[in-house]
Amino acid sequence: MALDSKLIDDGLAADNTLQAICYKRGSLQLLDQRKLPLETMYLDIHGSTDGWNAIRDMVVRGAPAIAIAAALSLAVEVANLKDFNGGSKDAASFLESKLEYLVSRSQSTPQRIGVVPRSCRASIESLKVRRGEHLEALSRVWVHNHLPWEREYVRSWWGLNRCPLYSIKEQVCRPTAVNLSDAVIKLKEIISKAASTVTVPESVFQAYIEAAEIMLDDDVATNKAIGSHGANFLQHQQKNSKRFSVLTHCNTGSLATAGYGTALGVIRALHAQGVLERAYCTETRPFNQGSRLTAFELVHEKIPATLIADSAAAALMKEGRVDAVIVGADRVTANGDTANKIGTYSLALCAMHHHIPFYVAAPLTSIDLSLSSGQEIVIEERSAKELLHTRGGLGEQVAASGISVWNPAFDVTPANLIAGIITEKGVITKNDMKDDAFDIKDFIEKATGKSTV
């Protein structure tokens, strides 16, 4: 990645919102969000390696933006690729291997990032005594079918005879968000179809580039639809108030997407319709996405807003200053359980206690029907440095040396705390006929006209 000395159109989209992703065919620049709000700097992305590093280092963040940045980084690489030696099948293989790289990385040692299915636990327990801490670490790893990890027995690692686990050959770059793996699956389908119908590699590369560009355009349209559906729904729910205030968490705006935003897109729409009294945003420690990014977007667009400490949310609700809570999502499971930035679960609990509706705003691509509940979501744990140092690990040390750190990047909010899930196809609400639960599968099938089987 290289620093760019100039900004593209001052980093603004046509609707005057900020742009995290500046793309034209053969060129990609990502806004370095680690520098905001004090510096506005774009990094040149020349290919998939730069894209992977930008995602890992949180130059770009937010589930939709991660997926699009990854796809476009490879599009730029192949657009500038010269003298490719091979046919259409070779081109397909090249693209697929690059996509695998973007969604994962080599890892030589096990790392705690999730849980295993119950069916595996008995075998693990019986083997713990034989391999102590190593197997203890393995017992915390679960790999679902969206991730490109290979199935094989752990004996290839530890010499065991039988164990129904997976090897840890690859670790997902940002494992909690589903959008990236979903994008890879869709792009692979397009690559495979192109390779089966053409003979020259350039045609396969062209099909990939066009598909990645469509993802970019579709995300903006999707977010604006989320904003419109959410604003209309909230106005209908807030029957006794002409204007109302909303609390949000983390950053879910233009900086977390290709443009406009999800939860912050709803807030934008409410403001545009003249019904938003005030937006409250949490600072969102330890990486401060709320104070650095959301506050930056709200000020830029002149939306009335107030920043609060993460720990002040309950007091704000108690004072009656919050009418609704809207957050984004990195992954929503089939039952409605939602993984989002750490601290979301706490807000949901506070909202329920104060009888305040709690909503999730997310595109359908954030919904993972292959997972039955939030217990199966892989939770990313990030560096201890993010807590030990200021500025999310980028500044000076503030904590005592030698202190242990637990730093999960996300938590899971149970579906029973969520009043509705706002999507580009409408708002998913609970079914009174089904024990007041979400029927997300049915909603998606009706909204898209496609079977989810």
Protein backbone atom coordinates (compact mmCIF):
# COMPACT_ATOMS: atom_id res chain seq x y z
CA MET A 1 0.00 0.00 0.00
CA ALA A 2 1.17 3.48 -0.78
CA LEU A 3 0.14 6.87 0.54
CA ASP A 4 -1.61 9.11 -1.95
CA SER A 5 -0.74 12.78 -1.90
CA LYS A 6 -4.14 13.89 -3.21
CA LEU A 7 -7.73 13.04 -2.49
CA ILE A 8 -10.27 11.92 -5.08
CA ASP A 9 -13.01 14.57 -5.33
CA ASP A 10 -12.18 15.56 -1.74
CA GLY A 11 -13.39 12.14 -0.57
CA LEU A 12 -17.05 12.99 -1.12
CA ALA A 13 -19.75 11.04 -2.92
CA ALA A 14 -22.32 12.69 -5.18
CA ASP A 15 -24.72 13.06 -2.22
CA ASN A 16 -21.98 14.82 -0.17
CA THR A 17 -21.47 11.83 2.12
CA LEU A 18 -17.96 10.69 2.94
CA GLN A 19 -16.34 7.98 0.83
CA ALA A 20 -14.33 5.17 2.38
CA ILE A 21 -13.84 3.51 -1.02
CA CYS A 22 -12.74 5.48 -4.08
CA TYR A 23 -12.71 3.28 -7.16
CA LYS A 24 -12.42 3.52 -10.89
CA ARG A 25 -11.45 0.62 -13.09
CA GLY A 26 -7.79 -0.20 -12.52
CA SER A 27 -7.49 2.07 -9.46
CA LEU A 28 -8.58 1.72 -5.84
CA GLN A 29 -7.99 4.00 -2.89
CA LEU A 30 -9.17 3.34 0.67
CA LEU A 31 -9.62 6.02 3.27
CA ASP A 32 -7.29 5.23 6.17
CA GLN A 33 -9.85 5.27 8.96
CA ARG A 34 -7.17 4.87 11.62
CA LYS A 35 -6.21 8.50 10.99
CA LEU A 36 -9.68 9.99 11.33
CA PRO A 37 -10.90 12.47 12.39
CA LEU A 38 -7.64 14.44 12.55
CA GLU A 39 -6.22 13.40 9.18
CA THR A 40 -7.85 12.49 5.88
CA MET A 41 -5.52 10.18 3.99
CA TYR A 42 -6.13 7.64 1.24
CA LEU A 43 -4.00 4.59 0.58
CA ASP A 44 -3.44 3.21 -2.90
CA ILE A 45 -4.44 -0.44 -3.13
CA HIS A 46 -2.63 -2.25 -5.94
CA GLY A 47 -3.88 -5.78 -5.41
CA SER A 48 -5.15 -8.50 -3.11
CA THR A 49 -2.13 -8.36 -0.79
CA ASP A 50 -2.73 -4.65 -0.15
CA GLY A 51 -6.43 -5.36 0.27
CA TRP A 52 -5.84 -8.11 2.82
CA ASN A 53 -3.46 -5.92 4.82
CA ALA A 54 -5.93 -3.02 4.78
CA ILE A 55 -8.69 -5.27 6.17
CA ARG A 56 -6.45 -6.82 8.82
CA ASP A 57 -5.06 -3.46 9.97
CA MET A 58 -8.52 -1.83 10.01
CA VAL A 59 -7.68 0.75 7.37
CA VAL A 60 -11.11 -0.26 6.12
CA ARG A 61 -13.72 -1.71 8.48
CA GLY A 62 -17.42 -2.40 8.63
CA ALA A 63 -18.80 -5.66 7.28
CA PRO A 64 -20.10 -4.37 3.91
CA ALA A 65 -17.01 -2.24 3.24
CA ILE A 66 -14.68 -5.14 4.04
CA ALA A 67 -16.36 -7.35 1.43
CA ILE A 68 -16.34 -4.67 -1.26
CA ALA A 69 -12.77 -3.57 -0.58
CA ALA A 70 -11.60 -7.17 -0.84
CA ALA A 71 -13.44 -7.77 -4.12
CA LEU A 72 -12.22 -4.51 -5.66
CA SER A 73 -8.61 -5.03 -4.57
CA LEU A 74 -8.53 -8.17 -6.70
CA ALA A 75 -10.38 -6.41 -9.52
CA VAL A 76 -7.63 -3.78 -9.62
CA GLU A 77 -4.97 -6.48 -9.59
CA VAL A 78 -6.37 -8.34 -12.58
CA ALA A 79 -7.22 -5.11 -14.45
CA ASN A 80 -3.53 -4.27 -14.37
CA LEU A 81 -2.33 -7.82 -14.92
CA LYS A 82 -0.15 -8.25 -18.01
CA ASP A 83 0.90 -11.31 -19.96
CA PHE A 84 -1.12 -13.89 -18.04
CA ASN A 85 0.15 -17.30 -19.03
CA GLY A 86 -2.75 -19.76 -19.22
CA GLY A 87 -6.28 -20.39 -20.41
CA SER A 88 -9.69 -19.63 -18.97
CA LYS A 89 -9.50 -22.46 -16.43
CA ASP A 90 -6.12 -21.16 -15.25
CA ALA A 91 -7.58 -17.68 -14.90
CA ALA A 92 -10.44 -19.07 -12.82
CA SER A 93 -8.02 -20.96 -10.60
CA PHE A 94 -5.91 -17.80 -10.18
CA LEU A 95 -8.92 -15.73 -9.11
CA GLU A 96 -10.27 -18.38 -6.76
CA SER A 97 -6.92 -18.76 -5.01
CA LYS A 98 -6.72 -14.98 -4.58
CA LEU A 99 -10.23 -14.91 -3.11
CA GLU A 100 -9.27 -17.68 -0.69
CA TYR A 101 -6.30 -15.59 0.36
CA LEU A 102 -8.45 -12.51 0.90
CA VAL A 103 -10.83 -14.33 3.22
CA SER A 104 -8.13 -16.20 5.14
CA ARG A 105 -4.47 -16.44 5.99
CA SER A 106 -1.89 -19.09 6.86
CA GLN A 107 -1.65 -19.84 10.55
CA SER A 108 0.83 -22.24 12.04
CA THR A 109 -0.49 -22.30 15.59
CA PRO A 110 -3.98 -22.69 17.01
CA GLN A 111 -5.72 -19.57 18.25
CA ARG A 112 -8.86 -19.21 20.34
CA ILE A 113 -11.58 -17.74 18.13
CA GLY A 114 -14.81 -19.64 18.70
CA VAL A 115 -16.54 -22.78 19.93
CA VAL A 116 -17.01 -26.31 18.60
CA PRO A 117 -20.36 -28.00 18.00
CA ARG A 118 -21.72 -30.07 20.86
CA SER A 119 -21.23 -33.24 18.81
CA CYS A 120 -17.46 -32.77 18.98
CA ARG A 121 -17.13 -31.93 22.66
CA ALA A 122 -17.28 -35.49 24.04
CA SER A 123 -14.39 -36.55 21.84
CA ILE A 124 -12.45 -33.49 22.84
CA GLU A 125 -12.99 -34.05 26.55
CA SER A 126 -11.74 -37.63 26.30
CA LEU A 127 -8.58 -36.47 24.57
CA LYS A 128 -7.71 -33.44 26.70
CA VAL A 129 -5.69 -35.44 29.17
CA ARG A 130 -3.44 -36.65 26.34
CA ARG A 131 -2.60 -33.29 24.83
CA GLY A 132 -3.18 -30.75 27.60
CA GLU A 133 -3.10 -27.11 26.65
CA HIS A 134 -2.76 -27.70 22.90
CA LEU A 135 -6.02 -29.62 22.74
CA GLU A 136 -7.59 -27.13 25.15
CA ALA A 137 -6.90 -24.45 22.55
CA LEU A 138 -8.24 -26.63 19.76
CA SER A 139 -11.43 -27.27 21.68
CA ARG A 140 -12.33 -23.61 21.34
CA VAL A 141 -12.19 -23.63 17.56
CA TRP A 142 -15.23 -24.17 15.39
CA VAL A 143 -15.37 -23.78 11.63
CA HIS A 144 -18.66 -23.38 9.78
CA ASN A 145 -19.25 -24.04 6.11
CA HIS A 146 -18.89 -20.45 4.96
CA LEU A 147 -15.19 -20.43 5.79
CA PRO A 148 -12.53 -21.99 3.56
CA TRP A 149 -10.92 -24.22 6.13
CA GLU A 150 -10.10 -27.82 5.20
CA ARG A 151 -11.62 -30.80 7.00
CA GLU A 152 -9.18 -33.37 8.30
CA TYR A 153 -8.30 -35.18 11.51
CA VAL A 154 -6.23 -33.46 14.16
CA ARG A 155 -3.82 -36.38 14.00
CA SER A 156 -1.97 -34.51 11.25
CA TRP A 157 -1.12 -31.96 13.94
CA TRP A 158 -0.85 -33.90 17.18
CA GLY A 159 -0.58 -37.57 16.14
CA LEU A 160 -4.02 -38.51 17.43
CA ASN A 161 -5.88 -41.47 15.93
CA ARG A 162 -9.36 -39.99 15.68
CA CYS A 163 -10.93 -36.62 16.34
CA PRO A 164 -13.83 -35.03 14.40
CA LEU A 165 -12.25 -31.58 14.23
CA TYR A 166 -10.72 -29.41 11.56
CA SER A 167 -7.10 -28.58 10.93
CA ILE A 168 -6.10 -25.00 11.56
CA LYS A 169 -4.37 -24.40 8.27
CA GLU A 170 -6.07 -21.08 7.70
CA GLN A 171 -7.45 -18.38 9.92
CA VAL A 172 -10.05 -15.97 8.62
CA CYS A 173 -8.81 -12.40 8.37
CA ARG A 174 -11.94 -10.94 10.09
CA PRO A 175 -14.00 -14.03 11.04
CA THR A 176 -17.15 -12.58 12.61
CA ALA A 177 -18.55 -10.68 9.62
CA VAL A 178 -20.36 -12.86 7.07
CA ASN A 179 -20.35 -10.38 4.15
CA LEU A 180 -16.81 -11.19 3.03
CA SER A 181 -17.30 -14.94 2.84
CA ASP A 182 -20.71 -14.42 1.21
CA ALA A 183 -19.13 -12.20 -1.45
CA VAL A 184 -16.43 -14.78 -2.13
CA ILE A 185 -19.01 -17.52 -2.66
CA LYS A 186 -20.97 -15.39 -5.14
CA LEU A 187 -17.85 -14.27 -7.00
CA LYS A 188 -16.64 -17.86 -7.29
CA GLU A 189 -19.93 -18.81 -8.92
CA ILE A 190 -19.49 -16.05 -11.49
CA ILE A 191 -15.88 -17.07 -12.14
CA SER A 192 -16.86 -20.70 -12.62
CA LYS A 193 -19.66 -19.82 -15.02
CA ALA A 194 -17.39 -17.55 -17.06
CA ALA A 195 -14.62 -20.16 -17.26
CA SER A 196 -17.06 -22.74 -18.59
CA THR A 197 -18.30 -20.53 -21.42
CA VAL A 198 -15.16 -18.75 -22.69
CA THR A 199 -11.71 -19.86 -23.78
CA VAL A 200 -9.51 -16.81 -23.19
CA PRO A 201 -8.44 -15.72 -19.66
CA GLU A 202 -9.19 -12.05 -20.36
CA SER A 203 -12.90 -12.82 -20.58
CA VAL A 204 -12.84 -14.50 -17.15
CA PHE A 205 -11.02 -11.52 -15.67
CA GLN A 206 -13.51 -9.14 -17.30
CA ALA A 207 -16.46 -11.06 -15.86
CA TYR A 208 -14.89 -10.86 -12.40
CA ILE A 209 -14.18 -7.13 -12.64
CA GLU A 210 -17.73 -6.37 -13.74
CA ALA A 211 -19.17 -8.49 -10.90
CA ALA A 212 -17.05 -6.69 -8.30
CA GLU A 213 -18.14 -3.32 -9.68
CA ILE A 214 -21.79 -4.34 -9.51
CA MET A 215 -21.29 -5.20 -5.82
CA LEU A 216 -20.05 -1.65 -5.24
CA ASP A 217 -23.08 -0.07 -6.92
CA ASP A 218 -25.56 -2.47 -5.33
CA ASP A 219 -24.31 -1.74 -1.80
CA VAL A 220 -25.14 1.97 -2.05
CA ALA A 221 -28.62 1.22 -3.40
CA THR A 222 -29.14 -1.39 -0.69
CA ASN A 223 -28.16 1.02 2.07
CA LYS A 224 -30.49 3.74 0.84
CA ALA A 225 -33.33 1.22 0.81
CA ILE A 226 -32.46 0.21 4.39
CA GLY A 227 -32.55 3.88 5.39
CA SER A 228 -35.93 4.43 3.76
CA HIS A 229 -37.55 1.30 5.21
CA GLY A 230 -36.14 2.00 8.65
CA ALA A 231 -37.19 5.65 8.77
CA ASN A 232 -40.74 4.87 7.63
CA PHE A 233 -41.06 1.99 10.08
CA LEU A 234 -39.81 4.02 13.06
CA GLN A 235 -42.15 6.88 12.29
CA HIS A 236 -45.05 4.45 12.24
CA GLN A 237 -43.94 2.97 15.57
CA GLN A 238 -43.42 6.36 17.25
CA LYS A 239 -47.06 7.37 16.90
CA ASN A 240 -47.11 9.78 19.84
CA SER A 241 -44.06 11.79 18.87
CA LYS A 242 -43.47 14.03 15.88
CA ARG A 243 -39.72 14.10 16.50
CA PHE A 244 -37.61 11.55 18.35
CA SER A 245 -34.03 10.71 19.29
CA VAL A 246 -32.00 7.65 18.40
CA LEU A 247 -28.94 6.06 19.99
CA THR A 248 -26.43 4.17 17.84
CA HIS A 249 -23.22 2.25 18.46
CA CYS A 250 -19.93 1.85 16.56
CA ASN A 251 -19.85 3.18 12.98
CA THR A 252 -22.39 2.05 10.39
CA GLY A 253 -22.32 4.95 7.95
CA SER A 254 -20.58 5.77 4.68
CA LEU A 255 -17.26 4.82 6.23
CA ALA A 256 -18.44 1.27 6.98
CA THR A 257 -20.07 0.64 3.62
CA ALA A 258 -19.75 1.65 -0.03
CA GLY A 259 -21.88 4.66 0.85
CA TYR A 260 -24.79 6.02 2.91
CA GLY A 261 -24.71 3.36 5.63
CA THR A 262 -27.01 0.93 7.41
CA ALA A 263 -28.00 2.01 10.95
CA LEU A 264 -26.56 5.45 10.30
CA GLY A 265 -28.37 5.39 6.96
CA VAL A 266 -31.64 5.12 8.89
CA ILE A 267 -30.60 8.12 10.98
CA ARG A 268 -29.75 10.02 7.79
CA ALA A 269 -33.19 9.25 6.38
CA LEU A 270 -34.93 10.32 9.60
CA HIS A 271 -33.02 13.60 9.52
CA ALA A 272 -33.86 14.16 5.85
CA GLN A 273 -37.55 13.63 6.65
CA GLY A 274 -37.39 16.19 9.46
CA VAL A 275 -38.34 13.84 12.30
CA LEU A 276 -34.97 13.32 14.01
CA GLU A 277 -34.63 15.28 17.23
CA ARG A 278 -31.08 14.11 17.97
CA ALA A 279 -28.69 11.25 17.28
CA TYR A 280 -26.61 9.94 20.16
CA CYS A 281 -23.48 7.96 19.40
CA THR A 282 -21.32 5.99 21.80
CA GLU A 283 -17.54 6.38 21.71
CA THR A 284 -17.25 2.58 21.11
CA ARG A 285 -14.05 1.59 22.84
CA PRO A 286 -11.39 0.41 22.44
CA PHE A 287 -11.03 1.42 18.77
CA ASN A 288 -13.33 4.44 19.19
CA GLN A 289 -15.27 3.99 15.97
CA GLY A 290 -18.09 6.06 17.44
CA SER A 291 -16.08 9.07 18.58
CA ARG A 292 -13.65 9.01 15.65
CA LEU A 293 -15.92 7.99 12.76
CA THR A 294 -19.64 8.27 13.53
CA ALA A 295 -19.26 11.65 15.21
CA PHE A 296 -17.17 12.74 12.22
CA GLU A 297 -19.91 11.74 9.77
CA LEU A 298 -22.69 13.34 11.82
CA VAL A 299 -20.83 16.65 12.13
CA HIS A 300 -19.93 16.58 8.43
CA GLU A 301 -23.60 16.24 7.45
CA LYS A 302 -24.82 18.71 10.07
CA ILE A 303 -27.06 16.15 11.78
CA PRO A 304 -27.84 17.18 15.39
CA ALA A 305 -25.78 14.75 17.44
CA THR A 306 -24.23 14.14 20.84
CA LEU A 307 -21.33 11.87 21.74
CA ILE A 308 -21.54 9.88 24.98
CA ALA A 309 -19.23 7.56 26.88
CA ASP A 310 -20.03 3.88 26.43
CA SER A 311 -20.82 3.67 30.13
CA ALA A 312 -23.30 6.59 29.97
CA ALA A 313 -25.89 4.83 27.80
CA ALA A 314 -27.99 3.48 30.67
CA ALA A 315 -28.12 6.89 32.38
CA LEU A 316 -29.14 8.53 29.10
CA MET A 317 -31.99 6.04 28.71
CA LYS A 318 -33.08 6.53 32.31
CA GLU A 319 -33.42 10.26 31.68
CA GLY A 320 -35.86 9.52 28.87
CA ARG A 321 -33.67 10.99 26.14
CA VAL A 322 -33.64 7.92 23.87
CA ASP A 323 -36.67 6.77 21.88
CA ALA A 324 -35.01 3.95 19.93
CA VAL A 325 -31.65 2.20 19.57
CA ILE A 326 -30.41 1.26 16.09
CA VAL A 327 -27.21 -0.70 15.48
CA GLY A 328 -25.61 -2.50 12.56
CA ALA A 329 -24.63 -6.15 12.29
CA ASP A 330 -21.68 -8.24 11.26
CA ARG A 331 -23.64 -11.48 11.22
CA VAL A 332 -27.29 -12.38 11.88
CA THR A 333 -28.16 -16.04 12.41
CA ALA A 334 -31.33 -17.86 11.34
CA ASN A 335 -33.09 -17.17 14.66
CA GLY A 336 -32.18 -13.46 14.71
CA ASP A 337 -29.25 -13.57 17.14
CA THR A 338 -26.90 -10.80 16.04
CA ALA A 339 -23.15 -10.34 16.27
CA ASN A 340 -22.06 -6.73 16.32
CA LYS A 341 -19.39 -4.54 17.86
CA ILE A 342 -18.58 -5.31 21.49
CA GLY A 343 -20.94 -3.39 23.74
CA THR A 344 -24.02 -3.95 21.59
CA TYR A 345 -25.34 -6.64 23.93
CA SER A 346 -25.04 -4.25 26.89
CA LEU A 347 -27.05 -1.61 25.03
CA ALA A 348 -29.75 -4.14 24.20
CA LEU A 349 -30.08 -5.15 27.84
CA CYS A 350 -30.31 -1.52 28.92
CA ALA A 351 -32.88 -0.79 26.22
CA MET A 352 -35.09 -3.69 27.32
CA HIS A 353 -34.92 -2.58 30.95
CA HIS A 354 -36.04 0.92 29.97
CA HIS A 355 -38.71 -0.32 27.51
CA ILE A 356 -36.92 1.20 24.51
CA PRO A 357 -37.14 -0.65 21.16
CA PHE A 358 -33.83 -2.03 19.92
CA TYR A 359 -33.36 -2.48 16.15
CA VAL A 360 -30.71 -4.02 13.92
CA ALA A 361 -30.11 -2.53 10.46
CA ALA A 362 -28.32 -4.80 8.02
CA PRO A 363 -28.43 -5.98 4.39
CA LEU A 364 -29.62 -9.49 3.62
CA THR A 365 -25.99 -10.40 2.89
CA SER A 366 -25.31 -10.09 6.64
CA ILE A 367 -27.80 -12.87 7.39
CA ASP A 368 -26.30 -16.35 7.71
CA LEU A 369 -29.05 -18.97 7.58
CA SER A 370 -26.48 -21.77 7.91
CA LEU A 371 -26.12 -20.90 11.61
CA SER A 372 -29.10 -21.71 13.79
CA SER A 373 -28.14 -19.37 16.65
CA GLY A 374 -25.53 -16.97 17.93
CA GLN A 375 -23.80 -19.73 19.87
CA GLU A 376 -22.27 -20.84 16.58
CA ILE A 377 -20.84 -17.45 15.59
CA VAL A 378 -17.06 -17.19 15.55
CA ILE A 379 -16.02 -14.22 17.68
CA GLU A 380 -12.82 -12.45 16.75
CA GLU A 381 -10.40 -11.56 19.54
CA ARG A 382 -8.07 -8.70 18.78
CA SER A 383 -4.69 -7.58 20.06
CA ALA A 384 -4.24 -6.70 23.73
CA LYS A 385 -2.48 -3.57 22.54
CA GLU A 386 -5.84 -2.02 21.63
CA LEU A 387 -6.68 -1.87 25.34
CA LEU A 388 -3.20 -1.24 26.71
CA HIS A 389 -2.57 1.82 24.54
CA THR A 390 -4.54 4.92 23.58
CA ARG A 391 -6.15 5.34 20.16
CA GLY A 392 -7.08 1.69 19.93
CA GLY A 393 -3.51 0.52 20.26
CA LEU A 394 -1.90 3.17 18.08
CA GLY A 395 -0.96 5.60 20.85
CA GLU A 396 0.89 5.66 24.14
CA GLN A 397 0.60 2.97 26.81
CA VAL A 398 -1.95 3.71 29.53
CA ALA A 399 -2.39 0.35 31.28
CA ALA A 400 0.00 -1.38 33.65
CA SER A 401 2.54 -3.66 32.02
CA GLY A 402 1.88 -7.32 32.79
CA ILE A 403 -1.92 -7.04 33.08
CA SER A 404 -3.88 -9.74 31.26
CA VAL A 405 -6.30 -8.58 28.56
CA TRP A 406 -9.49 -10.01 27.10
CA ASN A 407 -10.42 -8.10 23.96
CA PRO A 408 -13.29 -9.63 21.94
CA ALA A 409 -14.14 -7.39 19.02
CA PHE A 410 -17.81 -8.43 18.98
CA ASP A 411 -20.59 -9.79 21.14
CA VAL A 412 -23.86 -11.53 20.33
CA THR A 413 -27.23 -9.97 21.13
CA PRO A 414 -29.96 -12.61 21.57
CA ALA A 415 -32.97 -12.30 19.29
CA ASN A 416 -35.34 -11.87 22.23
CA LEU A 417 -33.81 -8.42 22.87
CA ILE A 418 -34.29 -7.26 19.27
CA ALA A 419 -37.55 -5.62 18.17
CA GLY A 420 -36.90 -5.75 14.43
CA ILE A 421 -34.27 -6.27 11.75
CA ILE A 422 -34.27 -3.53 9.11
CA THR A 423 -33.20 -4.76 5.65
CA GLU A 424 -33.29 -3.44 2.08
CA LYS A 425 -36.42 -5.56 1.52
CA GLY A 426 -38.31 -4.29 4.55
CA VAL A 427 -38.34 -4.81 8.31
CA ILE A 428 -38.31 -8.32 9.73
CA THR A 429 -40.59 -8.39 12.76
CA LYS A 430 -41.51 -11.18 15.12
CA ASN A 431 -44.28 -13.63 14.37
CA ASP A 432 -46.94 -13.74 17.08
CA MET A 433 -47.99 -17.16 15.81
CA LYS A 434 -44.51 -18.58 16.35
CA ASP A 435 -43.79 -17.78 20.00
CA ASP A 436 -42.93 -14.16 19.23
CA ALA A 437 -39.86 -15.21 17.23
CA PHE A 438 -38.32 -14.11 13.94
CA ASP A 439 -38.97 -16.21 10.87
CA ILE A 440 -36.08 -14.85 8.83
CA LYS A 441 -36.00 -17.67 6.32
CA ASP A 442 -39.65 -17.14 5.40
CA PHE A 443 -39.12 -13.37 5.09
CA ILE A 444 -36.15 -13.78 2.74
CA GLU A 445 -37.93 -16.31 0.54
CA LYS A 446 -40.98 -14.05 0.19
CA ALA A 447 -38.91 -10.89 -0.33
CA THR A 448 -36.56 -12.36 -2.92
CA GLY A 449 -38.81 -14.98 -4.48
CA LYS A 450 -36.00 -17.50 -4.08
CA SER A 451 -35.71 -20.65 -2.00
CA THR A 452 -33.14 -20.52 0.78
CA VAL A 453 -32.66 -24.32 0.79
